[in-house]
Amino acid sequence: MYSTTYCGFCFMAKRLLRARGIPFDDVDVTGDRETRARIVAETGHRTVPVIFIDDRFIGGSDELHDLDRAGDLEVLRPETPSP
């Protein structure tokens, strides 16, 4: 996930992933115009968060929440080791 420190949608996306127990990497692009320009060029997505799942671009916070409502985030939950 690419995010900024001042983005409410970034905060909501991170909160959802944490609540579902889904690990994620967060790349802070606050003030990083070069990385943001690269992300826009690669995805066409101009706002943060920019979220990838297994290297596949899924969109932003709205798309992440749509996946959750559809039950599709469950498959991303890390497996718990057997005792």
C-alpha atoms as a PDB file:
ATOM      1  CA  MET A   1       0.000   0.000   0.000  1.00  0.00           C
ATOM      2  CA  TYR A   2       1.184   3.482  -0.851  1.00  0.00           C
ATOM      3  CA  SER A   3      -0.155   6.099   1.537  1.00  0.00           C
ATOM      4  CA  THR A   4       0.439   9.496   3.077  1.00  0.00           C
ATOM      5  CA  THR A   5       0.461  10.532   6.701  1.00  0.00           C
ATOM      6  CA  TYR A   6      -2.508  12.895   6.320  1.00  0.00           C
ATOM      7  CA  CYS A   7      -4.921  10.716   4.331  1.00  0.00           C
ATOM      8  CA  GLY A   8      -8.135   9.624   6.048  1.00  0.00           C
ATOM      9  CA  PHE A   9      -8.811   6.982   3.391  1.00  0.00           C
ATOM     10  CA  CYS A  10      -5.335   5.548   3.996  1.00  0.00           C
ATOM     11  CA  PHE A  11      -6.097   5.362   7.694  1.00  0.00           C
ATOM     12  CA  MET A  12      -9.393   3.543   7.008  1.00  0.00           C
ATOM     13  CA  ALA A  13      -7.731   1.045   4.656  1.00  0.00           C
ATOM     14  CA  LYS A  14      -4.997   0.260   7.184  1.00  0.00           C
ATOM     15  CA  ARG A  15      -7.549  -0.096   9.958  1.00  0.00           C
ATOM     16  CA  LEU A  16      -9.556  -2.569   7.879  1.00  0.00           C
ATOM     17  CA  LEU A  17      -6.506  -4.669   7.025  1.00  0.00           C
ATOM     18  CA  ARG A  18      -5.411  -4.751  10.666  1.00  0.00           C
ATOM     19  CA  ALA A  19      -8.925  -5.676  11.798  1.00  0.00           C
ATOM     20  CA  ARG A  20      -8.950  -8.593   9.362  1.00  0.00           C
ATOM     21  CA  GLY A  21      -5.469  -9.735  10.402  1.00  0.00           C
ATOM     22  CA  ILE A  22      -4.036  -9.169   6.947  1.00  0.00           C
ATOM     23  CA  PRO A  23      -0.378  -8.144   6.934  1.00  0.00           C
ATOM     24  CA  PHE A  24       0.628  -5.335   4.618  1.00  0.00           C
ATOM     25  CA  ASP A  25       3.570  -3.173   3.704  1.00  0.00           C
ATOM     26  CA  ASP A  26       2.994   0.562   3.920  1.00  0.00           C
ATOM     27  CA  VAL A  27       5.091   2.865   1.761  1.00  0.00           C
ATOM     28  CA  ASP A  28       4.769   6.461   2.910  1.00  0.00           C
ATOM     29  CA  VAL A  29       4.807   8.713  -0.156  1.00  0.00           C
ATOM     30  CA  THR A  30       4.172  11.945   1.734  1.00  0.00           C
ATOM     31  CA  GLY A  31       6.234  14.510  -0.131  1.00  0.00           C
ATOM     32  CA  ASP A  32       7.696  11.888  -2.517  1.00  0.00           C
ATOM     33  CA  ARG A  33       6.627  13.324  -5.867  1.00  0.00           C
ATOM     34  CA  GLU A  34       8.802  10.948  -7.870  1.00  0.00           C
ATOM     35  CA  THR A  35       7.227   7.789  -6.431  1.00  0.00           C
ATOM     36  CA  ARG A  36       3.743   9.240  -6.690  1.00  0.00           C
ATOM     37  CA  ALA A  37       4.330  10.128 -10.350  1.00  0.00           C
ATOM     38  CA  ARG A  38       5.545   6.573 -11.005  1.00  0.00           C
ATOM     39  CA  ILE A  39       2.472   5.108  -9.309  1.00  0.00           C
ATOM     40  CA  VAL A  40       0.137   7.293 -11.377  1.00  0.00           C
ATOM     41  CA  ALA A  41       1.979   6.297 -14.561  1.00  0.00           C
ATOM     42  CA  GLU A  42       1.728   2.590 -13.673  1.00  0.00           C
ATOM     43  CA  THR A  43      -1.854   2.506 -12.382  1.00  0.00           C
ATOM     44  CA  GLY A  44      -3.631   5.666 -13.532  1.00  0.00           C
ATOM     45  CA  HIS A  45      -4.743   6.054  -9.901  1.00  0.00           C
ATOM     46  CA  ARG A  46      -4.087   9.641  -8.805  1.00  0.00           C
ATOM     47  CA  THR A  47      -5.038   9.482  -5.123  1.00  0.00           C
ATOM     48  CA  VAL A  48      -3.812   7.513  -2.124  1.00  0.00           C
ATOM     49  CA  PRO A  49      -4.057   4.907  -0.891  1.00  0.00           C
ATOM     50  CA  VAL A  50      -2.850   2.868  -3.834  1.00  0.00           C
ATOM     51  CA  ILE A  51      -3.325  -0.756  -2.855  1.00  0.00           C
ATOM     52  CA  PHE A  52      -1.836  -3.867  -4.393  1.00  0.00           C
ATOM     53  CA  ILE A  53      -2.706  -7.416  -3.368  1.00  0.00           C
ATOM     54  CA  ASP A  54      -0.179 -10.031  -4.448  1.00  0.00           C
ATOM     55  CA  ASP A  55       1.368  -7.490  -6.840  1.00  0.00           C
ATOM     56  CA  ARG A  56      -2.035  -6.884  -8.480  1.00  0.00           C
ATOM     57  CA  PHE A  57      -3.388  -3.344  -8.351  1.00  0.00           C
ATOM     58  CA  ILE A  58      -6.836  -3.314  -6.769  1.00  0.00           C
ATOM     59  CA  GLY A  59      -7.416   0.431  -6.364  1.00  0.00           C
ATOM     60  CA  GLY A  60      -7.926   2.510  -3.266  1.00  0.00           C
ATOM     61  CA  SER A  61      -9.828   2.385  -0.012  1.00  0.00           C
ATOM     62  CA  ASP A  62     -13.251   2.073  -1.659  1.00  0.00           C
ATOM     63  CA  GLU A  63     -12.174  -0.947  -3.681  1.00  0.00           C
ATOM     64  CA  LEU A  64     -10.591  -2.541  -0.612  1.00  0.00           C
ATOM     65  CA  HIS A  65     -13.807  -2.100   1.358  1.00  0.00           C
ATOM     66  CA  ASP A  66     -15.799  -3.500  -1.583  1.00  0.00           C
ATOM     67  CA  LEU A  67     -13.607  -6.619  -1.523  1.00  0.00           C
ATOM     68  CA  ASP A  68     -14.227  -6.934   2.203  1.00  0.00           C
ATOM     69  CA  ARG A  69     -17.988  -6.629   1.819  1.00  0.00           C
ATOM     70  CA  ALA A  70     -17.886  -9.317  -0.878  1.00  0.00           C
ATOM     71  CA  GLY A  71     -15.937 -11.612   1.467  1.00  0.00           C
ATOM     72  CA  ASP A  72     -12.899 -11.677  -0.798  1.00  0.00           C
ATOM     73  CA  LEU A  73     -10.442 -10.409   1.826  1.00  0.00           C
ATOM     74  CA  GLU A  74     -10.905 -13.594   3.853  1.00  0.00           C
ATOM     75  CA  VAL A  75      -8.728 -15.533   1.414  1.00  0.00           C
ATOM     76  CA  LEU A  76      -5.856 -13.164   2.245  1.00  0.00           C
ATOM     77  CA  ARG A  77      -5.914 -13.847   5.980  1.00  0.00           C
ATOM     78  CA  PRO A  78      -2.638 -15.461   7.057  1.00  0.00           C
ATOM     79  CA  GLU A  79      -2.993 -19.081   8.043  1.00  0.00           C
ATOM     80  CA  THR A  80      -2.513 -19.861  11.711  1.00  0.00           C
ATOM     81  CA  PRO A  81       0.099 -22.588  12.278  1.00  0.00           C
ATOM     82  CA  SER A  82      -1.257 -25.807  13.723  1.00  0.00           C
ATOM     83  CA  PRO A  83      -0.356 -26.472  17.378  1.00  0.00           C
END
